[in-house]
Amino acid sequence: MKHKTIISTALAALAAALAFISCDKLGYGKNPSAEGEGGRSGTPTSFSVHFVKNLKTAALAALPDTNEFILTVTDSRGVKIYDGAFGAAPEKFDTSPGSYTVRAVSCEFSSPLFECPQFGDEQVVKLEENQQLSLRLNCRQMNSGLRLNVDYSFRVSYPDAVLYASSNGGRLMYTYTEARYGFFKPGSITLQMERGGNTVQLFTRRIEAQEMLTINLSSSGGPSEPFSGISLALDTCRTWTVEDYRYGDAEGSDISSALSIEEAKARVGEKSLWVYGYVVGGDMTSSSCSFQKPFTSRTNIALAAKSTCKDKDACIAVQLQKGDIRDAVNLVDNPDLLGKKIFLKGSIVEAYFGITGLQNLSEYSLGE
C-alpha cells in the first residue's frame, strides 16, 4: 500500500522584539527518522515549514509577526494547497508525493509605497514517498528602499519644484520634508523634478533587494545634472547606502572628471558623460564577447577598468555608430587599440548586449 505525503507547518521559536530577519543561508535537512532502508520504516512522507528570525538590532520598526505572514503552498500544476495566514494554517496537509512551491511574504507588494518593506522567501521541494524533510524559509527583504534628504540649498534654489521617484511599477511623490523610505521593486529608479510645467531627470540608480538607499540632495544653483559621491554602510541583512547628489555640479561632464567603469555603471540613464577605460574586446553579442584579435565587427567595443580583463560582465559595451568615432576606434581598422586607454563621451544605458552600455557617442580621446 502506498503511503500518502503529509505536509506539516511548524513555527520555530521567535524573538518577540525589534529585529532583522536572519540572513543566514538556510536549506533542507532530512529527518533522521526517515533514514535507513530508503525510508521504508512506514513513516509517512512529510516536511515542516519554519521561519527563522534572530535578534540583530533595533534600528527598524517592529517586523510583522510571522503568524501573520501570507503562506501559500502550490503543487506542480499550479493548484494552491493552502493560501492564507501562516498562523491559521492547519498542522498537516494530506497530499501526494511530488513537487511543491512554498512561499511566505509579510505583505503583498505590487507598486511603490512608503514604509512598506516586504519580507519573504520562496522555495521548491520535491517530496518522495516515505520521506521526511525540514524546510526553513529564509525571510529576507524582497524590495528596495529609497529616502531623500533635501538640503536647504536645493529648497531655496527650487522652491516650487516637485520630486518624483519612478520605477516600472509606478511612482511616488517626495515632498521636501518627507522623511520616510519609499519602497520599490528591485531595479532602476529614476528621480525627476517637475517645475513650471517642465520635467527634468536628475538621475537613475539601480537598487537591489535589501538595499536601503539614502540620497542627500543639494544644489549648487547651476543648470547641469551632477553626481557628487557615494558612501556605503552595510548592516547584517540590508545594504544601507548614503549618497550625496548636488544638482549643478556635473561630475563627468568634462574629460578632467571622467567616470571610471564602476562609477559609470552607477549613472545609468544619464547623458553626455565622459567615461574612461581600457579597450579589451569587441565582436559582442548578447551572450559573448571576443577578447582576442582579429575582430570582425566595427559596430562595438568592450571597455573595462583593467587592460587584462577577460570577463564580459565586468565591462561596458560601447556602441559605435557610423561616423568619425567609429572609424577612429573600431578594432577591425585599429587593432593596435586593444589594451589601450580611451576616453569616450556618451549616454549610459542600462543594457546593451546584456550589460551596461555607452551609446550616442559625441567625443573621444585616446589616453596616454
Protein backbone atom coordinates (compact mmCIF):
# COMPACT_ATOMS: atom_id res chain seq x y z
CA MET A 1 0.00 0.00 0.00
CA LYS A 2 1.35 3.47 -0.95
CA HIS A 3 1.93 5.96 1.83
CA LYS A 4 0.45 9.44 1.44
CA THR A 5 2.63 12.53 1.63
CA ILE A 6 1.97 14.81 4.59
CA ILE A 7 3.00 18.47 4.60
CA SER A 8 3.14 19.91 8.08
CA THR A 9 3.78 23.54 9.03
CA ALA A 10 5.70 24.19 12.22
CA LEU A 11 6.77 27.55 13.63
CA ALA A 12 10.24 27.79 15.18
CA ALA A 13 10.79 29.79 18.38
CA LEU A 14 10.94 33.50 17.60
CA ALA A 15 12.24 36.51 19.48
CA ALA A 16 9.32 38.89 20.13
CA ALA A 17 11.30 42.11 19.84
CA LEU A 18 12.62 44.61 17.31
CA ALA A 19 14.78 42.59 14.93
CA PHE A 20 16.13 41.98 11.48
CA ILE A 21 15.10 38.87 9.62
CA SER A 22 18.03 36.44 9.69
CA CYS A 23 20.26 36.42 6.62
CA ASP A 24 21.83 33.06 7.39
CA LYS A 25 21.78 30.66 4.47
CA LEU A 26 19.18 28.02 5.21
CA GLY A 27 18.21 24.85 3.43
CA TYR A 28 16.67 21.43 3.60
CA GLY A 29 17.53 18.65 6.01
CA LYS A 30 16.33 15.09 6.17
CA ASN A 31 14.71 13.95 9.36
CA PRO A 32 16.85 11.15 10.88
CA SER A 33 13.73 9.02 11.32
CA ALA A 34 13.43 8.80 7.54
CA GLU A 35 16.96 7.37 7.09
CA GLY A 36 17.80 3.73 6.76
CA GLU A 37 16.33 1.21 4.36
CA GLY A 38 15.40 4.01 1.96
CA GLY A 39 12.72 5.27 4.33
CA ARG A 40 10.73 2.03 4.33
CA SER A 41 10.10 2.14 8.05
CA GLY A 42 6.46 3.05 7.48
CA THR A 43 6.92 6.69 8.48
CA PRO A 44 4.63 8.86 6.29
CA THR A 45 6.19 11.44 3.98
CA SER A 46 6.28 14.96 5.45
CA PHE A 47 8.05 18.28 5.54
CA SER A 48 7.89 21.13 8.02
CA VAL A 49 7.96 24.86 7.26
CA HIS A 50 9.94 27.05 9.68
CA PHE A 51 10.52 30.77 9.89
CA VAL A 52 13.80 31.90 11.43
CA LYS A 53 14.36 35.36 12.93
CA ASN A 54 17.39 36.40 15.01
CA LEU A 55 17.92 39.48 17.15
CA LYS A 56 20.31 41.84 15.35
CA THR A 57 19.41 45.47 16.07
CA ALA A 58 16.51 47.71 16.97
CA ALA A 59 17.16 50.15 14.13
CA LEU A 60 13.86 49.41 12.41
CA ALA A 61 10.24 49.40 13.39
CA ALA A 62 8.94 46.07 14.65
CA LEU A 63 8.53 43.48 11.92
CA PRO A 64 5.17 41.75 11.48
CA ASP A 65 4.54 38.64 13.50
CA THR A 66 5.33 35.57 11.42
CA ASN A 67 1.91 34.19 12.29
CA GLU A 68 0.55 36.96 10.06
CA PHE A 69 2.78 36.12 7.09
CA ILE A 70 0.88 35.07 3.96
CA LEU A 71 1.69 31.43 3.30
CA THR A 72 0.97 29.66 0.01
CA VAL A 73 1.67 26.04 -0.84
CA THR A 74 1.24 25.22 -4.55
CA ASP A 75 1.62 21.92 -6.38
CA SER A 76 3.34 21.40 -9.74
CA ARG A 77 0.06 22.01 -11.62
CA GLY A 78 -0.35 25.43 -10.06
CA VAL A 79 -3.13 24.34 -7.72
CA LYS A 80 -2.93 26.03 -4.33
CA ILE A 81 -2.96 23.58 -1.44
CA TYR A 82 -3.07 26.47 1.02
CA ASP A 83 -3.30 30.27 0.74
CA GLY A 84 -3.71 32.19 3.98
CA ALA A 85 -2.09 33.31 7.22
CA PHE A 86 0.73 31.16 8.48
CA GLY A 87 -0.74 31.14 11.98
CA ALA A 88 -4.09 29.89 10.69
CA ALA A 89 -2.63 27.03 8.63
CA PRO A 90 -3.61 23.51 9.71
CA GLU A 91 -0.96 21.37 11.35
CA LYS A 92 -0.87 18.94 8.41
CA PHE A 93 -1.90 18.78 4.80
CA ASP A 94 -2.73 15.36 3.43
CA THR A 95 -1.45 15.14 -0.16
CA SER A 96 0.57 13.03 -2.59
CA PRO A 97 4.33 12.89 -3.33
CA GLY A 98 5.53 15.47 -5.86
CA SER A 99 6.96 18.98 -6.23
CA TYR A 100 5.58 21.87 -4.16
CA THR A 101 6.32 25.59 -4.14
CA VAL A 102 6.23 27.09 -0.66
CA ARG A 103 6.11 30.90 -0.44
CA ALA A 104 5.71 33.21 2.52
CA VAL A 105 5.61 37.03 2.49
CA SER A 106 4.94 39.60 5.18
CA CYS A 107 2.61 41.53 2.83
CA GLU A 108 1.61 41.75 -0.79
CA PHE A 109 3.60 44.37 -2.72
CA SER A 110 2.94 45.42 -6.33
CA SER A 111 3.50 49.19 -6.59
CA PRO A 112 5.71 51.78 -4.80
CA LEU A 113 4.60 52.63 -1.27
CA PHE A 114 6.04 54.46 1.71
CA GLU A 115 7.03 52.41 4.75
CA CYS A 116 6.19 49.06 3.18
CA PRO A 117 9.14 46.64 3.39
CA GLN A 118 8.24 43.18 2.13
CA PHE A 119 9.97 40.22 3.76
CA GLY A 120 9.69 36.70 2.48
CA ASP A 121 11.10 33.66 0.76
CA GLU A 122 10.07 31.09 -1.82
CA GLN A 123 11.43 27.57 -2.13
CA VAL A 124 10.59 24.43 -4.11
CA VAL A 125 10.68 20.97 -2.55
CA LYS A 126 10.32 17.58 -4.16
CA LEU A 127 8.77 15.01 -1.85
CA GLU A 128 9.33 11.31 -2.34
CA GLU A 129 7.31 8.52 -0.79
CA ASN A 130 8.21 7.70 2.83
CA GLN A 131 10.37 10.83 3.12
CA GLN A 132 10.60 13.49 5.79
CA LEU A 133 12.09 16.92 5.07
CA SER A 134 12.57 20.04 7.16
CA LEU A 135 12.15 23.24 5.17
CA ARG A 136 13.26 26.54 6.65
CA LEU A 137 12.19 29.77 4.98
CA ASN A 138 14.94 32.39 4.89
CA CYS A 139 12.80 35.52 5.10
CA ARG A 140 14.75 38.50 3.81
CA GLN A 141 13.65 41.87 2.50
CA MET A 142 12.48 41.37 -1.09
CA ASN A 143 12.01 45.02 -2.14
CA SER A 144 14.23 48.12 -2.05
CA GLY A 145 14.04 51.40 -0.14
CA LEU A 146 14.77 54.99 -1.21
CA ARG A 147 14.83 58.03 1.08
CA LEU A 148 15.56 61.63 0.11
CA ASN A 149 17.19 64.20 2.37
CA VAL A 150 16.58 67.51 0.60
CA ASP A 151 19.15 70.11 1.63
CA TYR A 152 18.25 73.77 2.29
CA SER A 153 20.29 74.81 -0.78
CA PHE A 154 18.04 72.76 -3.05
CA ARG A 155 14.85 74.02 -1.41
CA VAL A 156 15.93 77.65 -1.87
CA SER A 157 17.03 77.12 -5.48
CA TYR A 158 13.83 75.26 -6.47
CA PRO A 159 11.10 76.29 -4.00
CA ASP A 160 8.24 75.39 -6.36
CA ALA A 161 9.57 72.06 -7.65
CA VAL A 162 8.04 68.61 -7.06
CA LEU A 163 10.14 65.44 -6.86
CA TYR A 164 9.01 62.05 -8.16
CA ALA A 165 10.79 58.69 -7.95
CA SER A 166 9.56 56.21 -10.54
CA SER A 167 10.16 52.59 -11.47
CA ASN A 168 8.45 50.10 -13.75
CA GLY A 169 5.85 49.53 -11.02
CA GLY A 170 4.75 53.17 -10.66
CA ARG A 171 5.99 56.32 -8.94
CA LEU A 172 5.98 58.14 -5.61
CA MET A 173 5.94 61.87 -4.92
CA TYR A 174 8.51 63.07 -2.36
CA THR A 175 7.86 66.35 -0.59
CA TYR A 176 10.88 68.27 0.65
CA THR A 177 10.04 67.27 4.22
CA GLU A 178 9.33 63.58 3.52
CA ALA A 179 11.47 61.56 5.95
CA ARG A 180 10.15 58.07 5.20
CA TYR A 181 11.57 55.40 2.95
CA GLY A 182 9.69 54.74 -0.24
CA PHE A 183 9.76 51.07 -1.23
CA PHE A 184 10.13 49.87 -4.81
CA LYS A 185 10.62 46.61 -6.64
CA PRO A 186 14.34 45.96 -7.24
CA GLY A 187 15.66 47.53 -10.45
CA SER A 188 16.16 51.00 -11.90
CA ILE A 189 14.65 54.01 -10.12
CA THR A 190 14.60 57.45 -11.74
CA LEU A 191 14.31 60.71 -9.79
CA GLN A 192 12.59 63.53 -11.67
CA MET A 193 11.95 67.17 -10.83
CA GLU A 194 8.81 68.82 -12.15
CA ARG A 195 8.87 72.60 -12.19
CA GLY A 196 6.92 75.19 -14.16
CA GLY A 197 5.40 72.57 -16.43
CA ASN A 198 8.80 71.09 -17.30
CA THR A 199 10.26 67.76 -16.20
CA VAL A 200 13.98 67.27 -15.57
CA GLN A 201 15.51 63.85 -14.98
CA LEU A 202 18.01 64.22 -12.15
CA PHE A 203 19.45 60.69 -12.11
CA THR A 204 18.74 56.99 -12.39
CA ARG A 205 20.02 54.43 -9.91
CA ARG A 206 19.71 50.66 -9.84
CA ILE A 207 18.99 49.28 -6.38
CA GLU A 208 18.77 45.65 -5.38
CA ALA A 209 16.60 43.68 -2.97
CA GLN A 210 17.51 44.50 0.67
CA GLU A 211 19.22 47.75 -0.38
CA MET A 212 18.20 50.89 1.51
CA LEU A 213 19.46 53.95 -0.37
CA THR A 214 19.52 57.46 1.07
CA ILE A 215 20.17 60.37 -1.32
CA ASN A 216 21.35 63.67 0.19
CA LEU A 217 20.08 66.10 -2.44
CA SER A 218 21.62 69.57 -2.62
CA SER A 219 22.13 72.27 -5.25
CA SER A 220 24.95 74.46 -6.42
CA GLY A 221 22.47 76.64 -8.29
CA GLY A 222 23.70 75.59 -11.76
CA PRO A 223 21.75 74.04 -14.64
CA SER A 224 23.73 70.80 -15.05
CA GLU A 225 22.99 67.33 -13.73
CA PRO A 226 25.84 66.12 -11.50
CA PHE A 227 26.84 63.44 -9.08
CA SER A 228 28.93 64.14 -6.03
CA GLY A 229 29.89 60.95 -4.24
CA ILE A 230 28.93 57.66 -2.61
CA SER A 231 29.46 56.17 0.81
CA LEU A 232 28.29 52.71 1.74
CA ALA A 233 27.12 51.29 5.05
CA LEU A 234 26.28 47.59 5.31
CA ASP A 235 24.03 46.21 8.03
CA THR A 236 23.84 42.42 8.51
CA CYS A 237 20.86 41.82 6.21
CA ARG A 238 20.48 45.01 4.27
CA THR A 239 22.71 47.33 2.29
CA TRP A 240 22.28 50.84 3.67
CA THR A 241 23.62 53.29 1.11
CA VAL A 242 24.04 57.03 1.57
CA GLU A 243 24.85 59.19 -1.43
CA ASP A 244 25.39 62.94 -1.86
CA TYR A 245 23.90 64.40 -5.04
CA ARG A 246 24.41 68.10 -5.73
CA TYR A 247 22.34 69.41 -8.61
CA GLY A 248 24.57 71.68 -10.67
CA ASP A 249 27.99 70.07 -10.25
CA ALA A 250 28.26 67.95 -13.43
CA GLU A 251 30.77 65.29 -12.36
CA GLY A 252 31.71 63.52 -15.57
CA SER A 253 30.58 66.36 -17.83
CA ASP A 254 34.16 67.19 -18.86
CA ILE A 255 37.11 64.93 -19.59
CA SER A 256 39.01 66.02 -16.47
CA SER A 257 36.28 64.47 -14.31
CA ALA A 258 35.65 61.39 -16.47
CA LEU A 259 33.93 58.48 -14.76
CA SER A 260 35.57 55.13 -14.12
CA ILE A 261 33.84 51.94 -15.29
CA GLU A 262 32.32 51.31 -11.86
CA GLU A 263 31.20 54.93 -11.49
CA ALA A 264 29.61 54.82 -14.93
CA LYS A 265 27.61 51.72 -14.01
CA ALA A 266 26.05 53.71 -11.17
CA ARG A 267 24.98 56.51 -13.52
CA VAL A 268 22.60 54.60 -15.79
CA GLY A 269 20.16 56.91 -17.57
CA GLU A 270 22.42 59.97 -17.63
CA LYS A 271 23.62 61.61 -20.83
CA SER A 272 26.68 63.44 -22.18
CA LEU A 273 29.12 61.98 -19.64
CA TRP A 274 32.80 61.20 -20.13
CA VAL A 275 33.81 57.63 -19.31
CA TYR A 276 37.32 56.20 -19.39
CA GLY A 277 38.63 52.65 -19.51
CA TYR A 278 40.71 50.18 -21.50
CA VAL A 279 39.64 48.70 -24.83
CA VAL A 280 39.65 44.96 -24.08
CA GLY A 281 37.43 43.41 -26.76
CA GLY A 282 34.69 43.58 -29.36
CA ASP A 283 32.50 41.43 -31.65
CA MET A 284 29.91 41.47 -28.86
CA THR A 285 26.67 39.51 -28.77
CA SER A 286 24.04 39.13 -26.07
CA SER A 287 25.94 36.14 -24.66
CA SER A 288 29.59 36.65 -25.60
CA CYS A 289 32.49 38.99 -26.22
CA SER A 290 35.75 38.39 -28.07
CA PHE A 291 38.93 39.45 -26.26
CA GLN A 292 41.42 38.42 -28.96
CA LYS A 293 42.42 39.62 -32.41
CA PRO A 294 41.34 39.53 -35.18
CA PHE A 295 37.98 41.28 -34.91
CA THR A 296 35.18 41.34 -37.49
CA SER A 297 32.69 43.95 -36.23
CA ARG A 298 33.15 47.72 -36.49
CA THR A 299 29.95 48.49 -34.54
CA ASN A 300 31.05 47.87 -30.93
CA ILE A 301 33.92 47.58 -28.48
CA ALA A 302 34.16 46.49 -24.84
CA LEU A 303 35.61 48.83 -22.19
CA ALA A 304 36.97 47.63 -18.81
CA ALA A 305 38.76 49.01 -15.76
CA LYS A 306 41.86 46.86 -16.45
CA SER A 307 43.57 46.13 -19.76
CA THR A 308 43.83 42.44 -18.79
CA CYS A 309 40.07 41.96 -18.23
CA LYS A 310 38.53 38.88 -19.90
CA ASP A 311 35.15 38.99 -18.14
CA LYS A 312 32.26 40.42 -20.16
CA ASP A 313 30.20 41.21 -17.03
CA ALA A 314 32.99 43.49 -15.79
CA CYS A 315 32.86 45.55 -19.00
CA ILE A 316 30.79 48.32 -20.52
CA ALA A 317 29.57 47.69 -24.07
CA VAL A 318 30.20 50.67 -26.35
CA GLN A 319 28.07 51.22 -29.45
CA LEU A 320 29.97 52.68 -32.40
CA GLN A 321 27.59 54.46 -34.73
CA LYS A 322 28.63 55.22 -38.30
CA GLY A 323 30.94 58.23 -38.43
CA ASP A 324 34.35 59.57 -37.44
CA ILE A 325 34.41 57.99 -33.96
CA ARG A 326 33.67 54.52 -35.34
CA ASP A 327 36.38 54.99 -37.95
CA ALA A 328 38.88 56.01 -35.26
CA VAL A 329 38.28 53.41 -32.53
CA ASN A 330 36.82 50.23 -34.05
CA LEU A 331 39.10 47.21 -33.66
CA VAL A 332 38.82 45.98 -37.24
CA ASP A 333 40.60 49.03 -38.65
CA ASN A 334 42.52 49.90 -35.46
CA PRO A 335 43.66 46.59 -33.90
CA ASP A 336 46.51 48.30 -32.03
CA LEU A 337 43.91 49.98 -29.76
CA LEU A 338 43.38 46.65 -27.96
CA GLY A 339 44.59 47.19 -24.38
CA LYS A 340 44.83 50.97 -24.79
CA LYS A 341 43.20 53.57 -22.55
CA ILE A 342 40.44 55.67 -24.09
CA PHE A 343 38.02 58.44 -23.07
CA LEU A 344 34.52 58.44 -24.59
CA LYS A 345 31.59 60.83 -24.12
CA GLY A 346 28.04 59.48 -24.45
CA SER A 347 24.86 58.28 -22.79
CA ILE A 348 24.93 55.46 -20.22
CA VAL A 349 22.20 52.88 -20.77
CA GLU A 350 21.12 50.01 -18.56
CA ALA A 351 21.57 47.25 -21.11
CA TYR A 352 23.46 46.87 -24.40
CA PHE A 353 24.39 43.32 -25.36
CA GLY A 354 23.26 42.24 -21.89
CA ILE A 355 25.47 44.59 -19.83
CA THR A 356 25.69 48.32 -19.04
CA GLY A 357 26.23 50.24 -22.26
CA LEU A 358 27.55 53.54 -23.62
CA GLN A 359 25.72 54.91 -26.66
CA ASN A 360 25.26 58.11 -28.69
CA LEU A 361 28.97 58.96 -28.62
CA SER A 362 29.83 62.59 -29.32
CA GLU A 363 33.55 62.83 -28.48
CA TYR A 364 36.57 60.65 -27.85
CA SER A 365 40.18 61.00 -26.75
CA LEU A 366 42.99 58.44 -26.60
CA GLY A 367 44.69 58.13 -23.23
CA GLU A 368 48.41 58.06 -22.56
